Each structure stands twice: as C-alpha cells, then as structure tokens.
C-alpha cells in the first residue's frame, strides 16, 4: 500500500487523479485557498483544448486548413464583409494574426481584400465564391463533429453549460483581463 504522504508515480496519473493531487498539494503544502477555482479552470482548459484539437485534426487539417484559418473564414462567412480588426475581435485573435492569415487565404482565393469605406488605409475582408463553398462543406463536417461532442448532454444541460460559461466570461469585469 502506498504511503499517502509519498508522491504518486507520475506515470500512473490520469487527468482526474492529477486534479486531486493538485488540490491536495496546493492546499496542504502551499496553503492556497482556491482549489475549486483551479479545478474549474484546469477542467475548462482541458475541455477546450481537447475539442479544439479534435476539430482541427478531424475536420480542418485533412482539408489543409488550421483551426485559426477556419475561425477567420467562419466569422467572415457569418458576419459578412468586415475589417480585420473586427475579425480579430470576433475570433479572439490578434489583429496581426488575422492579417497574416488573411494574406494566405487571399492567395488561395478564399478571401478578398477590398478598400474600406471610411479610411483609405483600411480594408474589408469578404469571402469569395470558393470560400463560401468551402465553408458550407467544412461547417457541415464540423457541425456533425460538434454534435458528437455534446450528445452526452441533454439539451437542457447544453443550455445550462452555455449559460454558465457566459456568466464566467461576463463576470470577469471585476479585474483587468488581457484579451
């Protein structure tokens, strides 16, 4: 029988046993008080990373796209022509990242860049016909994959999860966060 004070074999840990270990060590050895906050955010990050990796590897990479490129195409597809700064805000990416991705998507004839209406230096990103056709095909595959991820939750549970995540995101106004 393993001594409870002895550290476990790191190779025997899975995600949940690591969380239990982290909670115990953070409180008992280091005196941190907010283990549940750590558990919530570690779990949220883990879920987000798993879903993102799965969608990218199963849907986007086989089509020669990255998750980031999909995000840019997705917001332009649904929001319509927009400036790169708006695309950056909607994707959660930096303006520089959107601009770099837009260059390659323009060269692949998925996006066009046209002069902005208000400023001679601004541009607007729009989907080409090829970009629109690709998004219809890609999103059909992604949406099926998304449904597979959430099918373990009832519709009510899915709505509660969205509500709780919205509350978590909206409630961060009490401290300065980086975007």
N, C-alpha and C. Protein backbone atom coordinates (compact mmCIF):
# COMPACT_ATOMS: atom_id res chain seq x y z
N UNK A 1 0.85 -1.19 0.00
CA UNK A 1 0.00 0.00 0.00
C UNK A 1 0.89 1.24 0.00
N UNK A 2 0.54 2.20 -0.85
CA UNK A 2 1.34 3.41 -0.99
C UNK A 2 1.07 4.35 0.18
N UNK A 3 2.13 4.91 0.75
CA UNK A 3 2.01 5.90 1.81
C UNK A 3 1.32 7.13 1.24
N UNK A 4 0.28 7.66 1.93
CA UNK A 4 -0.45 8.80 1.41
C UNK A 4 0.43 10.05 1.32
N UNK A 5 1.52 10.10 2.10
CA UNK A 5 2.42 11.25 2.04
C UNK A 5 3.41 11.13 0.88
N UNK A 6 3.62 9.91 0.41
CA UNK A 6 4.55 9.71 -0.70
C UNK A 6 3.89 10.17 -2.00
N UNK A 7 4.65 10.85 -2.85
CA UNK A 7 4.05 11.28 -4.12
C UNK A 7 3.74 10.07 -5.00
N UNK A 8 2.66 10.17 -5.76
CA UNK A 8 2.32 9.05 -6.66
C UNK A 8 3.31 8.98 -7.81
N UNK A 9 3.32 7.84 -8.45
CA UNK A 9 4.12 7.68 -9.66
C UNK A 9 3.49 8.56 -10.73
N UNK A 10 4.21 9.56 -11.25
CA UNK A 10 3.61 10.46 -12.25
C UNK A 10 3.07 9.73 -13.48
N UNK A 11 3.66 8.60 -13.83
CA UNK A 11 3.18 7.86 -15.00
C UNK A 11 1.83 7.19 -14.75
N UNK A 12 1.43 7.07 -13.48
CA UNK A 12 0.15 6.43 -13.17
C UNK A 12 -0.99 7.44 -13.08
N UNK A 13 -0.69 8.73 -13.17
CA UNK A 13 -1.72 9.75 -13.06
C UNK A 13 -2.52 9.87 -14.35
N UNK A 14 -3.83 10.02 -14.20
CA UNK A 14 -4.65 10.46 -15.32
C UNK A 14 -5.08 11.89 -14.99
N UNK A 15 -5.88 12.50 -15.82
CA UNK A 15 -6.24 13.90 -15.60
C UNK A 15 -6.91 14.10 -14.24
N UNK A 16 -7.88 13.25 -13.91
CA UNK A 16 -8.65 13.47 -12.68
C UNK A 16 -7.82 13.16 -11.44
N UNK A 17 -6.95 12.14 -11.49
CA UNK A 17 -6.10 11.89 -10.32
C UNK A 17 -5.05 13.00 -10.17
N UNK A 18 -4.65 13.60 -11.29
CA UNK A 18 -3.75 14.76 -11.21
C UNK A 18 -4.47 15.93 -10.54
N UNK A 19 -5.73 16.16 -10.89
CA UNK A 19 -6.51 17.25 -10.28
C UNK A 19 -6.60 17.03 -8.77
N UNK A 20 -6.89 15.80 -8.36
CA UNK A 20 -6.96 15.50 -6.92
C UNK A 20 -5.62 15.77 -6.25
N UNK A 21 -4.53 15.32 -6.88
CA UNK A 21 -3.20 15.57 -6.35
C UNK A 21 -2.91 17.07 -6.26
N UNK A 22 -3.23 17.80 -7.32
CA UNK A 22 -3.00 19.25 -7.34
C UNK A 22 -3.78 19.92 -6.21
N UNK A 23 -5.05 19.57 -6.06
CA UNK A 23 -5.86 20.16 -4.99
C UNK A 23 -5.24 19.91 -3.62
N UNK A 24 -4.85 18.68 -3.38
CA UNK A 24 -4.26 18.31 -2.09
C UNK A 24 -2.95 19.05 -1.84
N UNK A 25 -2.07 19.03 -2.81
CA UNK A 25 -0.76 19.67 -2.63
C UNK A 25 -0.87 21.19 -2.54
N UNK A 26 -1.72 21.78 -3.37
CA UNK A 26 -1.86 23.24 -3.35
C UNK A 26 -2.38 23.72 -2.00
N UNK A 27 -3.31 22.98 -1.41
CA UNK A 27 -3.85 23.42 -0.12
C UNK A 27 -2.96 23.02 1.04
N UNK A 28 -2.52 21.77 1.08
CA UNK A 28 -1.77 21.29 2.25
C UNK A 28 -0.32 21.74 2.26
N UNK A 29 0.36 21.70 1.13
CA UNK A 29 1.78 22.05 1.11
C UNK A 29 2.04 23.53 0.88
N UNK A 30 1.18 24.16 0.08
CA UNK A 30 1.47 25.54 -0.31
C UNK A 30 0.49 26.56 0.27
N UNK A 31 -0.59 26.09 0.87
CA UNK A 31 -1.52 26.98 1.54
C UNK A 31 -2.46 27.78 0.65
N UNK A 32 -2.58 27.40 -0.61
CA UNK A 32 -3.51 28.11 -1.48
C UNK A 32 -4.94 27.74 -1.10
N UNK A 33 -5.85 28.70 -1.19
CA UNK A 33 -7.22 28.51 -0.70
C UNK A 33 -8.24 28.22 -1.78
N UNK A 34 -7.94 28.46 -3.03
CA UNK A 34 -8.98 28.42 -4.06
C UNK A 34 -8.80 27.22 -4.99
N UNK A 35 -8.76 26.03 -4.40
CA UNK A 35 -8.55 24.83 -5.21
C UNK A 35 -9.69 24.60 -6.22
N UNK A 36 -10.91 24.91 -5.82
CA UNK A 36 -12.02 24.69 -6.75
C UNK A 36 -11.88 25.60 -7.97
N UNK A 37 -11.43 26.83 -7.78
CA UNK A 37 -11.21 27.73 -8.92
C UNK A 37 -10.17 27.13 -9.86
N UNK A 38 -9.09 26.59 -9.27
CA UNK A 38 -8.06 25.94 -10.09
C UNK A 38 -8.65 24.74 -10.82
N UNK A 39 -9.45 23.94 -10.12
CA UNK A 39 -10.05 22.76 -10.74
C UNK A 39 -10.98 23.14 -11.89
N UNK A 40 -11.81 24.16 -11.68
CA UNK A 40 -12.73 24.61 -12.72
C UNK A 40 -11.96 25.05 -13.96
N UNK A 41 -10.93 25.89 -13.76
CA UNK A 41 -10.22 26.42 -14.92
C UNK A 41 -9.31 25.39 -15.58
N UNK A 42 -8.72 24.49 -14.82
CA UNK A 42 -7.96 23.40 -15.45
C UNK A 42 -8.88 22.53 -16.29
N UNK A 43 -10.06 22.24 -15.78
CA UNK A 43 -11.03 21.40 -16.50
C UNK A 43 -11.55 22.12 -17.73
N UNK A 44 -11.83 23.41 -17.60
CA UNK A 44 -12.29 24.20 -18.73
C UNK A 44 -11.23 24.24 -19.83
N UNK A 45 -9.98 24.48 -19.44
CA UNK A 45 -8.88 24.48 -20.41
C UNK A 45 -8.72 23.12 -21.06
N UNK A 46 -8.80 22.07 -20.27
CA UNK A 46 -8.65 20.71 -20.80
C UNK A 46 -9.74 20.42 -21.83
N UNK A 47 -11.00 20.75 -21.48
CA UNK A 47 -12.10 20.50 -22.40
C UNK A 47 -11.93 21.31 -23.68
N UNK A 48 -11.58 22.58 -23.55
CA UNK A 48 -11.39 23.43 -24.71
C UNK A 48 -10.27 22.90 -25.60
N UNK A 49 -9.16 22.53 -25.00
CA UNK A 49 -8.04 22.01 -25.78
C UNK A 49 -8.39 20.71 -26.48
N UNK A 50 -9.10 19.81 -25.80
CA UNK A 50 -9.49 18.54 -26.41
C UNK A 50 -10.41 18.75 -27.61
N UNK A 51 -11.41 19.59 -27.43
CA UNK A 51 -12.37 19.84 -28.51
C UNK A 51 -11.68 20.52 -29.68
N UNK A 52 -10.88 21.55 -29.40
CA UNK A 52 -10.19 22.26 -30.46
C UNK A 52 -9.26 21.33 -31.23
N UNK A 53 -8.48 20.53 -30.51
CA UNK A 53 -7.56 19.60 -31.17
C UNK A 53 -8.33 18.60 -32.02
N UNK A 54 -9.43 18.09 -31.48
CA UNK A 54 -10.22 17.11 -32.23
C UNK A 54 -10.79 17.73 -33.51
N UNK A 55 -11.38 18.92 -33.40
CA UNK A 55 -11.95 19.56 -34.59
C UNK A 55 -10.87 19.87 -35.62
N UNK A 56 -9.74 20.36 -35.14
CA UNK A 56 -8.66 20.68 -36.07
C UNK A 56 -8.13 19.43 -36.76
N UNK A 57 -7.89 18.37 -35.99
CA UNK A 57 -7.27 17.18 -36.58
C UNK A 57 -8.26 16.35 -37.40
N UNK A 58 -9.54 16.34 -37.02
CA UNK A 58 -10.51 15.52 -37.74
C UNK A 58 -11.17 16.25 -38.90
N UNK A 59 -11.32 17.57 -38.79
CA UNK A 59 -12.07 18.30 -39.82
C UNK A 59 -11.16 19.21 -40.65
N UNK A 60 -10.33 20.02 -40.01
CA UNK A 60 -9.64 21.09 -40.72
C UNK A 60 -8.30 20.68 -41.34
N UNK A 61 -7.45 20.02 -40.58
CA UNK A 61 -6.14 19.63 -41.14
C UNK A 61 -6.26 18.72 -42.36
N UNK A 62 -7.19 17.75 -42.37
CA UNK A 62 -7.32 16.93 -43.58
C UNK A 62 -7.68 17.74 -44.83
N UNK A 63 -8.23 18.94 -44.63
CA UNK A 63 -8.58 19.81 -45.75
C UNK A 63 -7.50 20.87 -46.00
N UNK A 64 -6.38 20.74 -45.27
CA UNK A 64 -5.28 21.68 -45.46
C UNK A 64 -5.44 23.00 -44.75
N UNK A 65 -6.29 23.06 -43.74
CA UNK A 65 -6.55 24.30 -43.01
C UNK A 65 -6.16 24.14 -41.54
N UNK A 66 -5.87 25.25 -40.93
CA UNK A 66 -5.63 25.27 -39.48
C UNK A 66 -6.92 25.70 -38.79
N UNK A 67 -6.97 25.50 -37.49
CA UNK A 67 -8.10 25.96 -36.69
C UNK A 67 -8.21 27.47 -36.79
N UNK A 68 -7.08 28.16 -36.76
CA UNK A 68 -7.08 29.62 -36.83
C UNK A 68 -7.64 30.11 -38.16
N UNK A 69 -7.25 29.49 -39.25
CA UNK A 69 -7.78 29.88 -40.57
C UNK A 69 -9.28 29.65 -40.62
N UNK A 70 -9.74 28.53 -40.07
CA UNK A 70 -11.18 28.27 -40.03
C UNK A 70 -11.89 29.38 -39.27
N UNK A 71 -11.35 29.79 -38.13
CA UNK A 71 -12.00 30.83 -37.32
C UNK A 71 -12.16 32.12 -38.11
N UNK A 72 -11.14 32.51 -38.85
CA UNK A 72 -11.23 33.74 -39.65
C UNK A 72 -12.29 33.57 -40.74
N UNK A 73 -12.24 32.47 -41.47
CA UNK A 73 -13.23 32.23 -42.52
C UNK A 73 -14.64 32.16 -41.94
N UNK A 74 -14.79 31.56 -40.78
CA UNK A 74 -16.09 31.40 -40.13
C UNK A 74 -16.72 32.76 -39.82
N UNK A 75 -15.97 33.67 -39.21
CA UNK A 75 -16.56 34.97 -38.85
C UNK A 75 -16.85 35.80 -40.10
N UNK A 76 -16.01 35.72 -41.12
CA UNK A 76 -16.27 36.47 -42.35
C UNK A 76 -17.49 35.87 -43.05
N UNK A 77 -17.59 34.56 -43.02
CA UNK A 77 -18.73 33.87 -43.64
C UNK A 77 -20.04 34.31 -43.00
N UNK A 78 -20.08 34.34 -41.68
CA UNK A 78 -21.34 34.61 -40.99
C UNK A 78 -21.60 36.08 -40.73
N UNK A 79 -20.57 36.87 -40.48
CA UNK A 79 -20.76 38.29 -40.19
C UNK A 79 -20.78 39.14 -41.45
N UNK A 80 -20.28 38.59 -42.55
CA UNK A 80 -20.23 39.34 -43.79
C UNK A 80 -18.93 40.12 -43.89
N UNK A 81 -18.79 40.92 -44.92
CA UNK A 81 -17.55 41.68 -45.08
C UNK A 81 -17.24 42.51 -43.83
N UNK A 82 -15.99 42.41 -43.37
CA UNK A 82 -15.60 43.16 -42.19
C UNK A 82 -14.13 43.47 -42.20
N UNK A 83 -13.77 44.46 -41.40
CA UNK A 83 -12.37 44.86 -41.28
C UNK A 83 -11.62 43.83 -40.45
N UNK A 84 -10.32 43.69 -40.70
CA UNK A 84 -9.53 42.73 -39.93
C UNK A 84 -9.62 42.94 -38.41
N UNK A 85 -9.74 44.18 -37.97
CA UNK A 85 -9.86 44.42 -36.52
C UNK A 85 -11.14 43.81 -35.97
N UNK A 86 -12.23 43.87 -36.72
CA UNK A 86 -13.47 43.24 -36.28
C UNK A 86 -13.33 41.73 -36.29
N UNK A 87 -12.67 41.20 -37.32
CA UNK A 87 -12.43 39.76 -37.38
C UNK A 87 -11.58 39.31 -36.19
N UNK A 88 -10.60 40.12 -35.82
CA UNK A 88 -9.74 39.80 -34.67
C UNK A 88 -10.58 39.77 -33.39
N UNK A 89 -11.43 40.75 -33.22
CA UNK A 89 -12.28 40.81 -32.02
C UNK A 89 -13.21 39.60 -31.94
N UNK A 90 -13.80 39.23 -33.07
CA UNK A 90 -14.76 38.12 -33.07
C UNK A 90 -14.10 36.76 -32.94
N UNK A 91 -12.87 36.62 -33.41
CA UNK A 91 -12.18 35.33 -33.31
C UNK A 91 -11.39 35.20 -32.02
N UNK A 92 -11.14 36.32 -31.34
CA UNK A 92 -10.28 36.28 -30.16
C UNK A 92 -8.81 36.22 -30.50
N UNK A 93 -8.48 36.55 -31.74
CA UNK A 93 -7.10 36.52 -32.21
C UNK A 93 -6.56 37.95 -32.26
N UNK A 94 -5.25 38.07 -32.42
CA UNK A 94 -4.67 39.40 -32.57
C UNK A 94 -4.93 39.92 -33.99
N UNK A 95 -4.88 41.22 -34.13
CA UNK A 95 -5.04 41.85 -35.45
C UNK A 95 -3.94 41.37 -36.40
N UNK A 96 -2.72 41.24 -35.87
CA UNK A 96 -1.59 40.78 -36.69
C UNK A 96 -1.82 39.34 -37.17
N UNK A 97 -2.33 38.48 -36.29
CA UNK A 97 -2.59 37.10 -36.69
C UNK A 97 -3.65 37.03 -37.79
N UNK A 98 -4.71 37.83 -37.65
CA UNK A 98 -5.76 37.85 -38.67
C UNK A 98 -5.19 38.36 -39.99
N UNK A 99 -4.38 39.41 -39.94
CA UNK A 99 -3.79 39.95 -41.18
C UNK A 99 -2.90 38.93 -41.87
N UNK A 100 -2.09 38.22 -41.09
CA UNK A 100 -1.22 37.19 -41.69
C UNK A 100 -2.03 36.05 -42.29
N UNK A 101 -3.05 35.60 -41.57
CA UNK A 101 -3.89 34.54 -42.12
C UNK A 101 -4.64 35.02 -43.36
N UNK A 102 -5.11 36.25 -43.32
CA UNK A 102 -5.86 36.79 -44.46
C UNK A 102 -5.00 36.78 -45.72
N UNK A 103 -3.72 37.10 -45.59
CA UNK A 103 -2.83 37.09 -46.76
C UNK A 103 -2.83 35.73 -47.44
N UNK A 104 -2.68 34.67 -46.64
CA UNK A 104 -2.65 33.34 -47.25
C UNK A 104 -4.03 32.93 -47.76
N UNK A 105 -5.09 33.33 -47.09
CA UNK A 105 -6.43 32.98 -47.55
C UNK A 105 -6.80 33.74 -48.82
N UNK A 106 -6.29 34.97 -48.96
CA UNK A 106 -6.47 35.72 -50.21
C UNK A 106 -5.72 35.03 -51.34
N UNK A 107 -4.48 34.60 -51.06
CA UNK A 107 -3.69 33.95 -52.12
C UNK A 107 -4.29 32.61 -52.54
N UNK A 108 -5.08 32.00 -51.66
CA UNK A 108 -5.76 30.74 -52.00
C UNK A 108 -7.15 30.97 -52.58
N UNK A 109 -7.49 32.23 -52.83
CA UNK A 109 -8.77 32.62 -53.42
C UNK A 109 -9.97 32.25 -52.54
N UNK A 110 -9.80 32.32 -51.22
CA UNK A 110 -10.92 32.08 -50.31
C UNK A 110 -11.46 33.39 -49.76
N UNK A 111 -10.58 34.40 -49.67
CA UNK A 111 -10.97 35.74 -49.21
C UNK A 111 -10.55 36.76 -50.25
N UNK A 112 -11.23 37.90 -50.22
CA UNK A 112 -10.78 39.07 -50.97
C UNK A 112 -10.57 40.21 -49.98
N UNK A 113 -9.68 41.11 -50.34
CA UNK A 113 -9.43 42.32 -49.56
C UNK A 113 -9.82 43.49 -50.45
N UNK A 114 -10.77 44.29 -50.00
CA UNK A 114 -11.18 45.47 -50.75
C UNK A 114 -10.96 46.70 -49.88
N UNK A 115 -10.76 47.86 -50.49
CA UNK A 115 -10.56 49.07 -49.69
C UNK A 115 -11.77 49.33 -48.79
N UNK A 116 -11.48 49.81 -47.58
CA UNK A 116 -12.54 50.15 -46.64
C UNK A 116 -13.31 51.37 -47.10
N UNK A 117 -14.48 51.55 -46.55
CA UNK A 117 -15.36 52.64 -46.97
C UNK A 117 -15.06 53.96 -46.25
N UNK A 118 -14.44 53.89 -45.07
CA UNK A 118 -14.27 55.10 -44.27
C UNK A 118 -12.86 55.65 -44.28
N UNK A 119 -11.89 54.84 -44.59
CA UNK A 119 -10.50 55.23 -44.44
C UNK A 119 -9.72 54.62 -45.60
N UNK A 120 -8.89 55.39 -46.23
CA UNK A 120 -8.13 54.90 -47.37
C UNK A 120 -7.16 53.80 -47.02
N UNK A 121 -6.79 53.70 -45.75
CA UNK A 121 -5.84 52.65 -45.35
C UNK A 121 -6.53 51.36 -44.92
N UNK A 122 -7.81 51.42 -44.59
CA UNK A 122 -8.49 50.23 -44.09
C UNK A 122 -8.92 49.31 -45.23
N UNK A 123 -9.11 48.05 -44.89
CA UNK A 123 -9.58 47.05 -45.87
C UNK A 123 -10.74 46.28 -45.25
N UNK A 124 -11.48 45.64 -46.12
CA UNK A 124 -12.57 44.76 -45.68
C UNK A 124 -12.30 43.39 -46.26
N UNK A 125 -12.52 42.39 -45.44
CA UNK A 125 -12.37 41.01 -45.86
C UNK A 125 -13.73 40.45 -46.24
N UNK A 126 -13.78 39.76 -47.37
CA UNK A 126 -15.01 39.12 -47.84
C UNK A 126 -14.67 37.72 -48.34
N UNK A 127 -15.64 36.84 -48.26
CA UNK A 127 -15.46 35.50 -48.82
C UNK A 127 -15.62 35.55 -50.34
N UNK A 128 -14.83 34.77 -51.02
CA UNK A 128 -15.02 34.57 -52.45
C UNK A 128 -16.07 33.47 -52.62
N UNK A 129 -16.45 33.21 -53.86
CA UNK A 129 -17.37 32.09 -54.10
C UNK A 129 -16.74 30.78 -53.64
N UNK A 130 -15.45 30.62 -53.89
CA UNK A 130 -14.75 29.40 -53.46
C UNK A 130 -14.73 29.31 -51.93
N UNK A 131 -14.53 30.44 -51.27
CA UNK A 131 -14.52 30.47 -49.82
C UNK A 131 -15.89 30.12 -49.25
N UNK A 132 -16.93 30.64 -49.87
CA UNK A 132 -18.29 30.33 -49.43
C UNK A 132 -18.58 28.84 -49.60
N UNK A 133 -18.22 28.29 -50.74
CA UNK A 133 -18.45 26.86 -50.99
C UNK A 133 -17.67 26.01 -49.98
N UNK A 134 -16.43 26.40 -49.71
CA UNK A 134 -15.64 25.65 -48.74
C UNK A 134 -16.26 25.70 -47.35
N UNK A 135 -16.75 26.86 -46.95
CA UNK A 135 -17.33 26.98 -45.61
C UNK A 135 -18.59 26.13 -45.48
N UNK A 136 -19.41 26.07 -46.50
CA UNK A 136 -20.60 25.21 -46.44
C UNK A 136 -20.19 23.75 -46.22
N UNK A 137 -19.20 23.30 -46.96
CA UNK A 137 -18.74 21.91 -46.84
C UNK A 137 -18.06 21.65 -45.49
N UNK A 138 -17.16 22.55 -45.11
CA UNK A 138 -16.39 22.35 -43.88
C UNK A 138 -17.30 22.43 -42.65
N UNK A 139 -18.20 23.40 -42.65
CA UNK A 139 -19.02 23.53 -41.46
C UNK A 139 -19.99 22.37 -41.30
N UNK A 140 -20.41 21.78 -42.39
CA UNK A 140 -21.28 20.59 -42.27
C UNK A 140 -20.52 19.49 -41.51
N UNK A 141 -19.27 19.27 -41.87
CA UNK A 141 -18.46 18.26 -41.18
C UNK A 141 -18.19 18.66 -39.73
N UNK A 142 -17.89 19.93 -39.52
CA UNK A 142 -17.62 20.39 -38.15
C UNK A 142 -18.86 20.28 -37.29
N UNK A 143 -20.00 20.69 -37.82
CA UNK A 143 -21.23 20.67 -37.04
C UNK A 143 -21.60 19.26 -36.62
N UNK A 144 -21.37 18.28 -37.49
CA UNK A 144 -21.61 16.89 -37.11
C UNK A 144 -20.68 16.47 -35.98
N UNK A 145 -19.43 16.89 -36.06
CA UNK A 145 -18.45 16.57 -35.01
C UNK A 145 -18.83 17.25 -33.70
N UNK A 146 -19.28 18.51 -33.78
CA UNK A 146 -19.74 19.24 -32.60
C UNK A 146 -20.90 18.49 -31.93
N UNK A 147 -21.83 18.03 -32.73
CA UNK A 147 -22.99 17.30 -32.19
C UNK A 147 -22.53 16.04 -31.47
N UNK A 148 -21.52 15.38 -32.01
CA UNK A 148 -20.98 14.19 -31.35
C UNK A 148 -20.38 14.51 -30.00
N UNK A 149 -19.74 15.67 -29.89
CA UNK A 149 -19.15 16.06 -28.60
C UNK A 149 -20.23 16.33 -27.55
N UNK A 150 -21.30 16.97 -27.92
CA UNK A 150 -22.29 17.39 -26.91
C UNK A 150 -23.44 16.41 -26.73
N UNK A 151 -23.46 15.33 -27.48
CA UNK A 151 -24.59 14.40 -27.38
C UNK A 151 -24.69 13.72 -26.01
N UNK A 152 -23.62 13.76 -25.23
CA UNK A 152 -23.68 13.18 -23.88
C UNK A 152 -24.46 14.08 -22.92
N UNK A 153 -24.75 15.31 -23.33
CA UNK A 153 -25.52 16.24 -22.52
C UNK A 153 -26.93 16.37 -23.10
N UNK A 154 -27.90 16.51 -22.22
CA UNK A 154 -29.25 16.78 -22.71
C UNK A 154 -29.28 18.21 -23.26
N UNK A 155 -30.34 18.53 -23.97
CA UNK A 155 -30.47 19.90 -24.48
C UNK A 155 -30.46 20.90 -23.33
N UNK A 156 -31.16 20.57 -22.25
CA UNK A 156 -31.19 21.47 -21.08
C UNK A 156 -29.79 21.64 -20.49
N UNK A 157 -29.03 20.56 -20.41
CA UNK A 157 -27.66 20.64 -19.88
C UNK A 157 -26.77 21.49 -20.79
N UNK A 158 -26.97 21.35 -22.10
CA UNK A 158 -26.20 22.17 -23.04
C UNK A 158 -26.51 23.65 -22.82
N UNK A 159 -27.77 23.99 -22.64
CA UNK A 159 -28.16 25.39 -22.42
C UNK A 159 -27.61 25.91 -21.08
N UNK A 160 -27.63 25.08 -20.06
CA UNK A 160 -27.07 25.47 -18.76
C UNK A 160 -25.56 25.69 -18.88
N UNK A 161 -24.88 24.81 -19.60
CA UNK A 161 -23.44 24.97 -19.78
C UNK A 161 -23.13 26.29 -20.50
N UNK A 162 -23.87 26.60 -21.55
CA UNK A 162 -23.67 27.87 -22.26
C UNK A 162 -23.93 29.04 -21.30
N UNK A 163 -24.99 28.93 -20.52
CA UNK A 163 -25.32 29.99 -19.57
C UNK A 163 -24.20 30.18 -18.55
N UNK A 164 -23.67 29.08 -18.02
CA UNK A 164 -22.60 29.16 -17.03
C UNK A 164 -21.31 29.71 -17.63
N UNK A 165 -20.98 29.29 -18.83
CA UNK A 165 -19.78 29.82 -19.49
C UNK A 165 -19.93 31.31 -19.78
N UNK A 166 -21.13 31.72 -20.20
CA UNK A 166 -21.39 33.13 -20.42
C UNK A 166 -21.23 33.91 -19.12
N UNK A 167 -21.72 33.36 -18.04
CA UNK A 167 -21.59 34.02 -16.73
C UNK A 167 -20.12 34.13 -16.34
N UNK A 168 -19.35 33.09 -16.58
CA UNK A 168 -17.93 33.11 -16.26
C UNK A 168 -17.22 34.19 -17.09
N UNK A 169 -17.51 34.24 -18.38
CA UNK A 169 -16.87 35.21 -19.26
C UNK A 169 -17.32 36.64 -18.92
N UNK A 170 -18.61 36.83 -18.74
CA UNK A 170 -19.15 38.16 -18.46
C UNK A 170 -18.76 38.67 -17.09
N UNK A 171 -18.56 37.77 -16.15
CA UNK A 171 -18.29 38.16 -14.77
C UNK A 171 -16.86 38.54 -14.49
N UNK A 172 -16.01 38.55 -15.47
CA UNK A 172 -14.60 38.85 -15.26
C UNK A 172 -14.34 40.34 -15.21
N UNK A 173 -15.36 41.16 -15.24
CA UNK A 173 -15.19 42.61 -15.26
C UNK A 173 -14.59 43.14 -13.96
N UNK A 174 -14.60 42.35 -12.90
CA UNK A 174 -14.09 42.81 -11.62
C UNK A 174 -12.58 42.92 -11.54
N UNK A 175 -11.87 42.46 -12.54
CA UNK A 175 -10.42 42.56 -12.57
C UNK A 175 -9.95 42.70 -14.00
N UNK A 176 -8.79 43.26 -14.16
CA UNK A 176 -8.26 43.50 -15.51
C UNK A 176 -7.87 42.17 -16.15
N UNK A 177 -8.38 41.93 -17.33
CA UNK A 177 -8.01 40.72 -18.08
C UNK A 177 -7.41 41.14 -19.40
N UNK A 178 -6.57 40.28 -19.92
CA UNK A 178 -5.98 40.52 -21.23
C UNK A 178 -6.81 39.79 -22.26
N UNK A 179 -6.90 40.37 -23.41
CA UNK A 179 -7.66 39.74 -24.49
C UNK A 179 -6.74 39.33 -25.59
